[in-house]
Protein backbone atom coordinates (compact mmCIF):
# COMPACT_ATOMS: atom_id res chain seq x y z
CA UNK A 1 10.45 -28.02 1.70
CA UNK A 2 12.68 -30.25 -0.41
CA UNK A 3 10.85 -33.35 0.81
CA UNK A 4 7.44 -31.81 -0.01
CA UNK A 5 8.61 -30.95 -3.51
CA UNK A 6 9.90 -34.48 -4.02
CA UNK A 7 6.52 -35.86 -2.93
CA UNK A 8 4.76 -33.47 -5.30
CA UNK A 9 6.93 -34.56 -8.22
CA UNK A 10 6.25 -38.22 -7.45
CA UNK A 11 2.53 -37.52 -7.43
CA UNK A 12 2.67 -35.62 -10.72
CA UNK A 13 4.53 -38.53 -12.33
CA UNK A 14 1.52 -40.74 -11.56
CA UNK A 15 -1.09 -38.44 -13.09
CA UNK A 16 -2.37 -39.11 -16.59
CA UNK A 17 -2.20 -35.44 -17.54
CA UNK A 18 1.49 -34.51 -17.46
CA UNK A 19 4.64 -36.37 -18.45
CA UNK A 20 8.27 -35.43 -18.87
CA UNK A 21 7.49 -32.22 -17.03
CA UNK A 22 9.63 -29.41 -15.69
CA UNK A 23 8.71 -27.85 -12.34
CA UNK A 24 9.52 -24.21 -11.53
CA UNK A 25 8.34 -22.01 -8.65
CA UNK A 26 5.33 -19.91 -9.68
CA UNK A 27 4.55 -18.07 -6.47
CA UNK A 28 3.95 -18.38 -2.77
CA UNK A 29 1.31 -16.52 -0.80
CA UNK A 30 0.57 -15.33 2.71
CA UNK A 31 -0.37 -18.84 3.84
CA UNK A 32 1.50 -22.15 3.83
CA UNK A 33 0.50 -22.85 0.23
CA UNK A 34 3.10 -22.89 -2.54
CA UNK A 35 2.55 -22.92 -6.30
CA UNK A 36 4.66 -24.38 -9.09
CA UNK A 37 4.38 -24.02 -12.84
CA UNK A 38 4.40 -27.40 -14.56
CA UNK A 39 5.59 -27.37 -18.17
CA UNK A 40 4.74 -30.57 -20.01
CA UNK A 41 4.84 -31.22 -23.76
CA UNK A 42 4.33 -27.56 -24.61
CA UNK A 43 1.45 -27.08 -22.18
CA UNK A 44 1.54 -25.24 -18.86
CA UNK A 45 -0.24 -26.14 -15.63
CA UNK A 46 -0.09 -25.05 -12.00
CA UNK A 47 0.58 -27.44 -9.12
CA UNK A 48 -0.56 -26.38 -5.65
CA UNK A 49 1.25 -27.69 -2.59
CA UNK A 50 -0.94 -27.20 0.47
CA UNK A 51 0.40 -29.14 3.47
CA UNK A 52 -2.69 -30.80 5.00
CA UNK A 53 -1.51 -30.08 8.55
CA UNK A 54 -1.91 -26.35 7.84
CA UNK A 55 -4.20 -26.11 4.80
CA UNK A 56 -7.38 -27.79 3.59
CA UNK A 57 -7.74 -28.10 -0.19
CA UNK A 58 -11.41 -29.05 -0.12
CA UNK A 59 -12.79 -25.48 -0.01
CA UNK A 60 -10.61 -24.56 -2.99
CA UNK A 61 -11.92 -27.49 -5.01
CA UNK A 62 -15.58 -26.87 -4.17
CA UNK A 63 -15.48 -23.09 -4.64
CA UNK A 64 -13.53 -23.38 -7.89
CA UNK A 65 -16.24 -25.62 -9.28
CA UNK A 66 -19.03 -23.30 -8.17
CA UNK A 67 -17.38 -20.13 -9.49
CA UNK A 68 -16.55 -21.75 -12.81
CA UNK A 69 -20.15 -22.88 -13.06
CA UNK A 70 -21.22 -19.25 -12.75
CA UNK A 71 -19.07 -18.23 -15.71
CA UNK A 72 -16.05 -16.83 -13.88
CA UNK A 73 -12.51 -17.50 -15.04
CA UNK A 74 -10.87 -19.45 -12.22
CA UNK A 75 -8.28 -22.24 -12.18
CA UNK A 76 -9.95 -25.58 -12.88
CA UNK A 77 -8.96 -28.60 -10.82
CA UNK A 78 -7.60 -31.23 -13.22
CA UNK A 79 -6.38 -33.73 -10.64
CA UNK A 80 -6.13 -33.85 -6.86
CA UNK A 81 -4.78 -35.74 -3.88
CA UNK A 82 -6.49 -34.24 -0.86
CA UNK A 83 -4.71 -36.52 1.59
CA UNK A 84 -1.32 -35.19 0.52
CA UNK A 85 -2.57 -31.67 -0.21
CA UNK A 86 -1.72 -31.60 -3.92
CA UNK A 87 -3.78 -30.10 -6.76
CA UNK A 88 -3.09 -29.85 -10.47
CA UNK A 89 -4.76 -26.76 -11.94
CA UNK A 90 -5.18 -24.93 -15.21
CA UNK A 91 -2.71 -22.06 -15.63
CA UNK A 92 -4.09 -18.51 -15.86
CA UNK A 93 -0.68 -17.07 -16.74
CA UNK A 94 1.79 -14.90 -14.88
CA UNK A 95 0.46 -11.37 -15.43
CA UNK A 96 -1.16 -10.01 -12.28
CA UNK A 97 -3.42 -6.98 -12.58
CA UNK A 98 -0.78 -5.18 -10.52
CA UNK A 99 1.74 -5.73 -13.33
CA UNK A 100 -0.39 -4.04 -15.99
CA UNK A 101 -2.39 -1.42 -14.07
CA UNK A 102 -1.60 2.19 -14.99
CA UNK A 103 -3.49 5.38 -15.80
CA UNK A 104 -4.13 4.17 -19.34
CA UNK A 105 -5.34 0.67 -18.52
CA UNK A 106 -7.12 1.07 -15.19
CA UNK A 107 -10.56 1.98 -16.55
CA UNK A 108 -10.72 -1.04 -18.82
CA UNK A 109 -9.25 -3.45 -16.28
CA UNK A 110 -11.48 -2.28 -13.44
CA UNK A 111 -14.55 -2.36 -15.66
CA UNK A 112 -13.81 -6.02 -16.37
CA UNK A 113 -13.14 -6.72 -12.70
CA UNK A 114 -16.37 -5.05 -11.57
CA UNK A 115 -18.43 -6.90 -14.18
CA UNK A 116 -17.00 -10.20 -12.95
CA UNK A 117 -17.58 -9.16 -9.33
CA UNK A 118 -21.19 -8.30 -10.11
CA UNK A 119 -21.66 -11.77 -11.57
CA UNK A 120 -20.21 -13.30 -8.40
CA UNK A 121 -22.46 -11.20 -6.16
CA UNK A 122 -25.54 -12.15 -8.19
CA UNK A 123 -24.69 -15.84 -7.73
CA UNK A 124 -26.33 -17.70 -4.86
CA UNK A 125 -23.65 -20.02 -3.45
CA UNK A 126 -24.59 -23.69 -3.00
CA UNK A 127 -25.98 -24.44 0.44
CA UNK A 128 -23.21 -25.14 2.93
CA UNK A 129 -20.41 -23.98 0.64
CA UNK A 130 -19.60 -20.72 2.45
CA UNK A 131 -19.73 -19.68 6.08
CA UNK A 132 -21.12 -16.31 7.19
CA UNK A 133 -18.89 -13.30 7.74
CA UNK A 134 -20.10 -13.12 11.32
CA UNK A 135 -19.78 -10.27 13.80
CA UNK A 136 -17.29 -12.36 15.74
CA UNK A 137 -15.13 -12.97 12.67
CA UNK A 138 -15.19 -9.32 11.62
CA UNK A 139 -14.23 -8.19 15.12
CA UNK A 140 -11.51 -10.81 15.53
CA UNK A 141 -9.92 -9.67 12.27
CA UNK A 142 -9.71 -6.08 13.48
CA UNK A 143 -8.13 -7.34 16.69
CA UNK A 144 -5.11 -8.34 14.61
CA UNK A 145 -4.34 -4.63 14.18
CA UNK A 146 -4.17 -4.10 17.91
CA UNK A 147 -2.34 -7.34 18.72
CA UNK A 148 0.21 -7.52 15.93
CA UNK A 149 0.74 -3.93 14.74
CA UNK A 150 0.13 -1.73 17.78
CA UNK A 151 1.43 -4.13 20.43
CA UNK A 152 3.84 -6.60 18.85
CA UNK A 153 5.32 -4.39 16.09
CA UNK A 154 5.18 -0.81 17.40
CA UNK A 155 5.39 -1.79 21.07
CA UNK A 156 2.67 0.65 22.11
CA UNK A 157 0.58 0.05 25.22
CA UNK A 158 -3.05 1.14 25.10
CA UNK A 159 -4.58 2.98 28.02
CA UNK A 160 -7.96 1.80 29.30
CA UNK A 161 -9.54 4.80 27.56
CA UNK A 162 -7.82 3.97 24.26
CA UNK A 163 -8.81 0.33 24.53
CA UNK A 164 -12.43 1.28 25.15
CA UNK A 165 -12.34 3.67 22.19
CA UNK A 166 -10.95 0.99 19.90
CA UNK A 167 -13.52 -1.57 21.07
CA UNK A 168 -16.25 0.98 20.38
CA UNK A 169 -14.91 1.61 16.87
CA UNK A 170 -14.86 -2.12 16.18
CA UNK A 171 -18.51 -2.40 17.24
CA UNK A 172 -19.55 0.48 14.98
CA UNK A 173 -17.72 -1.00 11.99
CA UNK A 174 -19.23 -4.44 12.54
CA UNK A 175 -22.73 -2.99 12.79
CA UNK A 176 -22.27 -1.13 9.52
CA UNK A 177 -21.02 -4.28 7.81
CA UNK A 178 -23.96 -6.41 8.92
CA UNK A 179 -26.69 -3.99 7.78
CA UNK A 180 -25.52 -4.34 4.17
CA UNK A 181 -26.95 -6.92 1.76
CA UNK A 182 -25.04 -10.16 2.30
CA UNK A 183 -23.59 -11.70 -0.86
CA UNK A 184 -20.84 -14.01 -2.03
CA UNK A 185 -17.56 -12.40 -0.88
CA UNK A 186 -14.26 -13.46 -2.44
CA UNK A 187 -12.45 -11.76 0.47
CA UNK A 188 -9.19 -10.92 -1.35
CA UNK A 189 -10.39 -9.42 -4.61
CA UNK A 190 -7.36 -7.26 -5.38
CA UNK A 191 -4.62 -6.70 -7.95
CA UNK A 192 -2.40 -9.56 -6.80
CA UNK A 193 -5.19 -12.13 -7.04
CA UNK A 194 -6.62 -10.95 -10.37
CA UNK A 195 -4.80 -12.10 -13.49
CA UNK A 196 -4.70 -10.31 -16.81
CA UNK A 197 -5.49 -12.64 -19.69
CA UNK A 198 -4.17 -11.70 -23.12
CA UNK A 199 -7.43 -12.29 -24.96
CA UNK A 200 -5.76 -11.96 -28.37
CA UNK A 201 -3.72 -15.09 -27.69
CA UNK A 202 -6.52 -17.22 -26.24
CA UNK A 203 -7.55 -19.89 -28.70
CA UNK A 204 -9.40 -22.26 -26.38
CA UNK A 205 -10.46 -22.22 -22.74
CA UNK A 206 -12.27 -25.07 -21.06
CA UNK A 207 -15.63 -24.08 -19.66
CA UNK A 208 -16.07 -20.96 -21.83
CA UNK A 209 -16.28 -18.39 -19.01
CA UNK A 210 -18.45 -15.33 -19.50
CA UNK A 211 -15.51 -13.13 -18.50
CA UNK A 212 -11.96 -14.01 -19.58
CA UNK A 213 -10.71 -11.04 -17.59
CA UNK A 214 -9.91 -11.14 -14.86
CA UNK A 215 -8.62 -14.59 -14.06
CA UNK A 216 -9.47 -14.97 -10.37
CA UNK A 217 -7.19 -16.62 -7.80
CA UNK A 218 -7.11 -17.22 -4.03
CA UNK A 219 -10.85 -17.57 -3.52
CA UNK A 220 -10.81 -20.46 -1.06
CA UNK A 221 -11.53 -18.26 1.98
CA UNK A 222 -14.78 -16.92 0.53
CA UNK A 223 -17.74 -16.16 2.79
CA UNK A 224 -21.23 -14.71 2.66
CA UNK A 225 -20.81 -11.12 3.76
CA UNK A 226 -21.20 -7.38 3.07
CA UNK A 227 -21.81 -6.30 -0.50
CA UNK A 228 -19.14 -3.57 -0.35
CA UNK A 229 -16.30 -5.79 0.90
CA UNK A 230 -14.82 -6.98 -2.39
CA UNK A 231 -15.35 -3.58 -3.99
CA UNK A 232 -13.14 -2.09 -1.27
CA UNK A 233 -10.53 -4.79 -1.90
CA UNK A 234 -10.45 -3.78 -5.56
CA UNK A 235 -10.74 0.00 -5.44
CA UNK A 236 -8.81 0.69 -2.22
CA UNK A 237 -6.20 -1.93 -2.90
CA UNK A 238 -3.40 -2.24 -0.34
CA UNK A 239 -0.90 -2.50 -3.22
CA UNK A 240 -1.91 0.38 -5.50
CA UNK A 241 -3.97 3.54 -5.01
CA UNK A 242 -6.02 5.90 -7.16
CA UNK A 243 -7.36 9.45 -6.67
CA UNK A 244 -10.20 9.59 -4.17
CA UNK A 245 -12.49 11.36 -6.66
CA UNK A 246 -11.97 8.57 -9.18
CA UNK A 247 -12.69 5.92 -6.55
CA UNK A 248 -15.94 7.66 -5.62
CA UNK A 249 -16.96 7.66 -9.27
CA UNK A 250 -16.33 3.92 -9.58
CA UNK A 251 -18.24 3.27 -6.36
CA UNK A 252 -21.26 5.18 -7.63
CA UNK A 253 -21.21 3.36 -10.96
CA UNK A 254 -21.09 0.04 -9.17
CA UNK A 255 -23.98 1.04 -6.89
CA UNK A 256 -26.07 1.68 -10.01
CA UNK A 257 -25.03 -1.68 -11.45
CA UNK A 258 -26.01 -3.44 -8.22
CA UNK A 259 -29.42 -1.75 -8.28
CA UNK A 260 -29.96 -2.72 -11.92
CA UNK A 261 -29.05 -6.31 -11.03
CA UNK A 262 -31.46 -6.38 -8.09
CA UNK A 263 -28.69 -6.96 -5.54
CA UNK A 264 -29.18 -3.60 -3.79
CA UNK A 265 -32.48 -1.79 -3.32
CA UNK A 266 -33.17 1.40 -5.27
CA UNK A 267 -33.73 3.17 -1.95
CA UNK A 268 -30.02 2.91 -1.09
CA UNK A 269 -28.66 6.37 -1.85
CA UNK A 270 -25.21 7.22 -3.14
CA UNK A 271 -24.24 8.63 0.26
CA UNK A 272 -25.39 5.54 2.12
CA UNK A 273 -23.59 3.18 -0.22
CA UNK A 274 -20.44 5.31 -0.03
CA UNK A 275 -20.66 5.08 3.77
CA UNK A 276 -20.92 1.29 3.55
CA UNK A 277 -17.88 1.25 1.29
CA UNK A 278 -15.82 3.62 3.43
CA UNK A 279 -16.52 1.96 6.76
CA UNK A 280 -16.00 -1.50 5.30
CA UNK A 281 -12.64 -0.28 4.10
CA UNK A 282 -11.62 0.73 7.61
CA UNK A 283 -12.47 -2.77 8.86
CA UNK A 284 -10.57 -4.44 6.02
CA UNK A 285 -7.53 -2.21 6.29
CA UNK A 286 -7.22 -2.63 10.05
CA UNK A 287 -7.23 -6.37 9.42
CA UNK A 288 -4.71 -6.11 6.58
CA UNK A 289 -2.22 -4.12 8.65
CA UNK A 290 -2.50 -6.69 11.42
CA UNK A 291 -1.91 -9.54 8.96
CA UNK A 292 1.06 -7.80 7.33
CA UNK A 293 2.62 -7.31 10.77
CA UNK A 294 1.97 -10.91 11.77
CA UNK A 295 3.57 -12.15 8.56
CA UNK A 296 6.74 -10.26 9.42
CA UNK A 297 6.92 -11.14 13.11
CA UNK A 298 5.60 -14.69 13.21
CA UNK A 299 6.27 -16.00 9.71
CA UNK A 300 9.43 -14.09 8.75
CA UNK A 301 7.74 -12.63 5.65
CA UNK A 302 8.56 -8.90 5.79
CA UNK A 303 7.67 -8.06 2.19
CA UNK A 304 4.20 -6.73 2.99
CA UNK A 305 5.44 -4.10 5.45
CA UNK A 306 6.07 -1.67 2.58
CA UNK A 307 2.31 -1.64 1.94
CA UNK A 308 1.33 -0.60 5.47
CA UNK A 309 1.78 3.19 4.95
CA UNK A 310 -0.69 3.20 2.04
CA UNK A 311 -3.12 1.04 4.00
CA UNK A 312 -2.85 3.15 7.15
CA UNK A 313 -3.41 6.30 5.10
CA UNK A 314 -6.70 4.86 3.82
CA UNK A 315 -7.87 4.43 7.43
CA UNK A 316 -6.84 7.96 8.35
CA UNK A 317 -8.52 9.52 5.33
CA UNK A 318 -11.85 7.79 5.90
CA UNK A 319 -11.93 8.19 9.67
CA UNK A 320 -11.34 11.94 9.24
CA UNK A 321 -14.41 12.10 6.97
CA UNK A 322 -16.95 10.80 9.51
CA UNK A 323 -17.65 12.32 12.91
CA UNK A 324 -18.47 8.88 14.32
CA UNK A 325 -14.89 7.77 13.52
CA UNK A 326 -13.18 11.00 14.59
CA UNK A 327 -11.83 9.53 17.83
CA UNK A 328 -10.11 6.78 15.82
CA UNK A 329 -8.54 9.39 13.52
CA UNK A 330 -7.41 11.50 16.48
CA UNK A 331 -5.81 8.56 18.28
CA UNK A 332 -4.02 7.38 15.16
CA UNK A 333 -2.76 10.87 14.38
CA UNK A 334 -1.72 11.71 17.96
CA UNK A 335 -0.35 8.37 19.19
CA UNK A 336 0.40 6.05 16.29
CA UNK A 337 1.46 7.89 13.14
CA UNK A 338 4.79 9.28 14.36
CA UNK A 339 5.89 5.92 15.75
CA UNK A 340 4.68 4.06 12.67
CA UNK A 341 6.46 6.48 10.35
CA UNK A 342 9.74 5.85 12.16
CA UNK A 343 9.34 2.07 12.15
CA UNK A 344 8.24 2.01 8.52
CA UNK A 345 10.85 4.52 7.30
CA UNK A 346 8.41 6.99 5.80
CA UNK A 347 8.02 10.70 6.32
CA UNK A 348 5.42 11.85 8.82
CA UNK A 349 4.01 14.13 6.14
CA UNK A 350 2.92 11.09 4.13
CA UNK A 351 0.03 10.57 6.53
CA UNK A 352 -1.21 14.12 6.07
CA UNK A 353 -1.90 13.59 2.36
CA UNK A 354 -5.53 13.80 1.31
């Protein structure tokens, strides 16, 4: 790590943009990327360190350019060294949505986030920029739940019947994802990747985005996929939750916005869109729990484990609502919840909340 930082500093010294700078850690993420805040002559920038053996900066550069061109507020690439895996970016500040979300701010912040999301979903990505969110990819992601949470973390062994049930659930969830309109999907559109911009203090912003809020980060894994995916990421966030009735209201408002924008057909009813949203959430949350477990076990990053109870509760709530998913709910309640509660140091009763 020290050697990588030294190499980054040497590269920054050669750029024409910064001089006499100070480098401080800004954040890490769930990958091998690291971010540093670069303070230079009263201005602030972000330096990305993405080791090329593990990370490829090219998607970030290309997608940043395309999203900015659509009017979204994303970090702009000011300088780059793709061979070393270094980028110098504009700084969107240090206030995540998660830092400022509360009962008083959520309506305004989510309205901004959904307006920006609608703009993204109306945008046709340049040819070849994004891969498809294929059936194989969707299914493989859900497999992380079985491999890393059920097996590696909880130490549970599935019977043949349970394995068949889980495979059947995966197939149902994939089918429901693929029947939806396929749009530009950010893939991690949640409160830790959306930045709150203090509009009152903004005097100039290169590119003049249509939406200052939110500033959007971590978009390099974008795909073309189900229209409900990013909405789930936002409204059933693994890091903060809201009353189910309020979430349903937001979902319905967004369905109407999608219809007005011509992204979704008028024939798609509120119940059908809610089903898309709910089932997409089960797929995403199975994946997220698997990733959180893998981060702890493989990468020694245990911080996300505290978010598994909330995420598992989402799966339980939705699977209890649909008869097609009842066997998943029953298995989780009968075979997983008690063990998970013990491992995660939460009360069993937490998973009975509705």
